[in-house]
């Protein structure tokens, strides 16, 4: 069972376009202590956008 202070927590990435589309991934807290920002594909607007970590 995962602990709250797990080194690789599950994070939800939300689209910056406001479509509500999300990706679920894991991140390493030691390498990325800040909020994660990745450029991913949003099929609702049919283009690549920035997806930001939502908590």
N, C-alpha and C. Protein backbone atom coordinates (compact mmCIF):
# COMPACT_ATOMS: atom_id res chain seq x y z
N UNK A 1 0.83 -1.18 0.00
CA UNK A 1 0.00 0.00 0.00
C UNK A 1 0.88 1.25 0.00
N UNK A 2 0.55 2.23 -0.82
CA UNK A 2 1.37 3.42 -0.97
C UNK A 2 1.21 4.34 0.23
N UNK A 3 2.31 4.91 0.64
CA UNK A 3 2.29 5.87 1.74
C UNK A 3 2.11 7.28 1.19
N UNK A 4 1.73 8.20 2.05
CA UNK A 4 1.53 9.59 1.63
C UNK A 4 2.85 10.22 1.20
N UNK A 5 3.96 9.84 1.83
CA UNK A 5 5.25 10.42 1.50
C UNK A 5 6.03 9.52 0.54
N UNK A 6 5.35 8.87 -0.35
CA UNK A 6 5.97 7.98 -1.32
C UNK A 6 6.91 8.78 -2.23
N UNK A 7 8.01 8.17 -2.65
CA UNK A 7 8.97 8.86 -3.51
C UNK A 7 8.37 9.11 -4.89
N UNK A 8 7.54 8.18 -5.37
CA UNK A 8 6.93 8.33 -6.70
C UNK A 8 5.41 8.36 -6.58
N UNK A 9 4.83 9.51 -6.22
CA UNK A 9 3.37 9.58 -6.07
C UNK A 9 2.67 9.65 -7.43
N UNK A 10 1.41 9.28 -7.43
CA UNK A 10 0.57 9.39 -8.63
C UNK A 10 0.07 10.82 -8.70
N UNK A 11 0.23 11.46 -9.86
CA UNK A 11 -0.23 12.84 -10.04
C UNK A 11 -1.16 12.90 -11.23
N UNK A 12 -2.04 13.88 -11.21
CA UNK A 12 -3.00 14.10 -12.30
C UNK A 12 -2.58 15.35 -13.05
N UNK A 13 -2.44 15.24 -14.37
CA UNK A 13 -2.07 16.36 -15.21
C UNK A 13 -3.32 16.88 -15.91
N UNK A 14 -3.63 18.17 -15.72
CA UNK A 14 -4.82 18.78 -16.28
C UNK A 14 -4.45 19.69 -17.46
N UNK A 15 -5.29 19.69 -18.47
CA UNK A 15 -5.04 20.49 -19.67
C UNK A 15 -5.10 21.98 -19.35
N UNK A 16 -4.19 22.75 -19.96
CA UNK A 16 -4.18 24.19 -19.76
C UNK A 16 -5.27 24.88 -20.58
N UNK A 17 -5.91 24.15 -21.51
CA UNK A 17 -6.96 24.74 -22.33
C UNK A 17 -8.29 24.80 -21.60
N UNK A 18 -8.38 24.15 -20.44
CA UNK A 18 -9.62 24.19 -19.68
C UNK A 18 -10.67 23.23 -20.18
N UNK A 19 -10.27 22.20 -20.93
CA UNK A 19 -11.23 21.24 -21.47
C UNK A 19 -11.62 20.19 -20.45
N UNK A 20 -10.84 20.08 -19.38
CA UNK A 20 -11.12 19.06 -18.37
C UNK A 20 -10.45 17.73 -18.66
N UNK A 21 -9.71 17.63 -19.76
CA UNK A 21 -9.03 16.38 -20.11
C UNK A 21 -7.82 16.22 -19.20
N UNK A 22 -7.59 15.00 -18.70
CA UNK A 22 -6.48 14.75 -17.79
C UNK A 22 -5.68 13.52 -18.19
N UNK A 23 -4.43 13.51 -17.79
CA UNK A 23 -3.56 12.34 -17.85
C UNK A 23 -3.19 11.99 -16.42
N UNK A 24 -2.96 10.72 -16.16
CA UNK A 24 -2.50 10.27 -14.85
C UNK A 24 -1.13 9.65 -15.03
N UNK A 25 -0.17 10.09 -14.21
CA UNK A 25 1.20 9.60 -14.32
C UNK A 25 1.83 9.59 -12.94
N UNK A 26 3.08 9.16 -12.86
CA UNK A 26 3.84 9.17 -11.62
C UNK A 26 5.03 10.10 -11.79
N UNK A 27 5.47 10.70 -10.69
CA UNK A 27 6.65 11.55 -10.76
C UNK A 27 7.56 11.24 -9.58
N UNK A 28 8.82 11.54 -9.75
CA UNK A 28 9.81 11.34 -8.69
C UNK A 28 9.95 12.65 -7.93
N UNK A 29 9.59 12.65 -6.65
CA UNK A 29 9.65 13.88 -5.84
C UNK A 29 11.07 14.38 -5.65
N UNK A 30 12.04 13.50 -5.64
CA UNK A 30 13.42 13.94 -5.43
C UNK A 30 13.95 14.69 -6.65
N UNK A 31 13.57 14.27 -7.85
CA UNK A 31 14.05 14.94 -9.06
C UNK A 31 13.17 16.12 -9.45
N UNK A 32 11.87 16.05 -9.17
CA UNK A 32 10.92 17.11 -9.55
C UNK A 32 10.11 17.54 -8.34
N UNK A 33 10.68 18.33 -7.43
CA UNK A 33 9.91 18.72 -6.25
C UNK A 33 8.81 19.73 -6.57
N UNK A 34 8.95 20.49 -7.67
CA UNK A 34 7.93 21.46 -8.05
C UNK A 34 6.81 20.77 -8.82
N UNK A 35 5.79 21.53 -9.15
CA UNK A 35 4.68 20.97 -9.92
C UNK A 35 5.14 20.63 -11.33
N UNK A 36 4.69 19.50 -11.81
CA UNK A 36 5.11 18.97 -13.10
C UNK A 36 4.35 19.66 -14.24
N UNK A 37 5.06 20.00 -15.32
CA UNK A 37 4.44 20.57 -16.52
C UNK A 37 4.97 19.78 -17.71
N UNK A 38 4.07 19.13 -18.45
CA UNK A 38 4.45 18.35 -19.63
C UNK A 38 3.63 18.80 -20.83
N UNK A 39 4.22 18.68 -22.01
CA UNK A 39 3.52 19.01 -23.24
C UNK A 39 2.94 17.71 -23.80
N UNK A 40 1.59 17.60 -23.77
CA UNK A 40 0.91 16.37 -24.17
C UNK A 40 -0.20 16.73 -25.15
N UNK A 41 -0.81 15.69 -25.73
CA UNK A 41 -1.86 15.87 -26.72
C UNK A 41 -3.23 15.94 -26.04
N UNK A 42 -4.02 16.94 -26.40
CA UNK A 42 -5.40 17.07 -25.91
C UNK A 42 -6.33 16.75 -27.08
N UNK A 43 -7.02 15.60 -27.06
CA UNK A 43 -7.86 15.21 -28.19
C UNK A 43 -9.11 16.05 -28.35
N UNK A 44 -9.50 16.79 -27.33
CA UNK A 44 -10.70 17.61 -27.44
C UNK A 44 -10.45 18.82 -28.34
N UNK A 45 -9.30 19.47 -28.19
CA UNK A 45 -8.95 20.59 -29.05
C UNK A 45 -8.04 20.17 -30.19
N UNK A 46 -7.63 18.90 -30.20
CA UNK A 46 -6.82 18.29 -31.25
C UNK A 46 -5.49 19.01 -31.49
N UNK A 47 -4.77 19.25 -30.41
CA UNK A 47 -3.44 19.82 -30.51
C UNK A 47 -2.65 19.53 -29.25
N UNK A 48 -1.34 19.73 -29.32
CA UNK A 48 -0.47 19.55 -28.16
C UNK A 48 -0.51 20.82 -27.30
N UNK A 49 -0.66 20.63 -26.00
CA UNK A 49 -0.74 21.74 -25.06
C UNK A 49 0.07 21.41 -23.83
N UNK A 50 0.23 22.40 -22.96
CA UNK A 50 0.87 22.15 -21.67
C UNK A 50 -0.15 21.56 -20.72
N UNK A 51 0.25 20.50 -20.05
CA UNK A 51 -0.56 19.88 -19.02
C UNK A 51 0.16 20.12 -17.70
N UNK A 52 -0.54 20.66 -16.72
CA UNK A 52 0.05 20.99 -15.44
C UNK A 52 -0.46 20.08 -14.34
N UNK A 53 0.39 19.83 -13.37
CA UNK A 53 0.02 18.98 -12.25
C UNK A 53 -1.05 19.64 -11.40
N UNK A 54 -2.12 18.91 -11.14
CA UNK A 54 -3.19 19.39 -10.27
C UNK A 54 -3.19 18.55 -9.01
N UNK A 55 -3.43 19.18 -7.86
CA UNK A 55 -3.41 18.43 -6.60
C UNK A 55 -4.77 18.42 -5.96
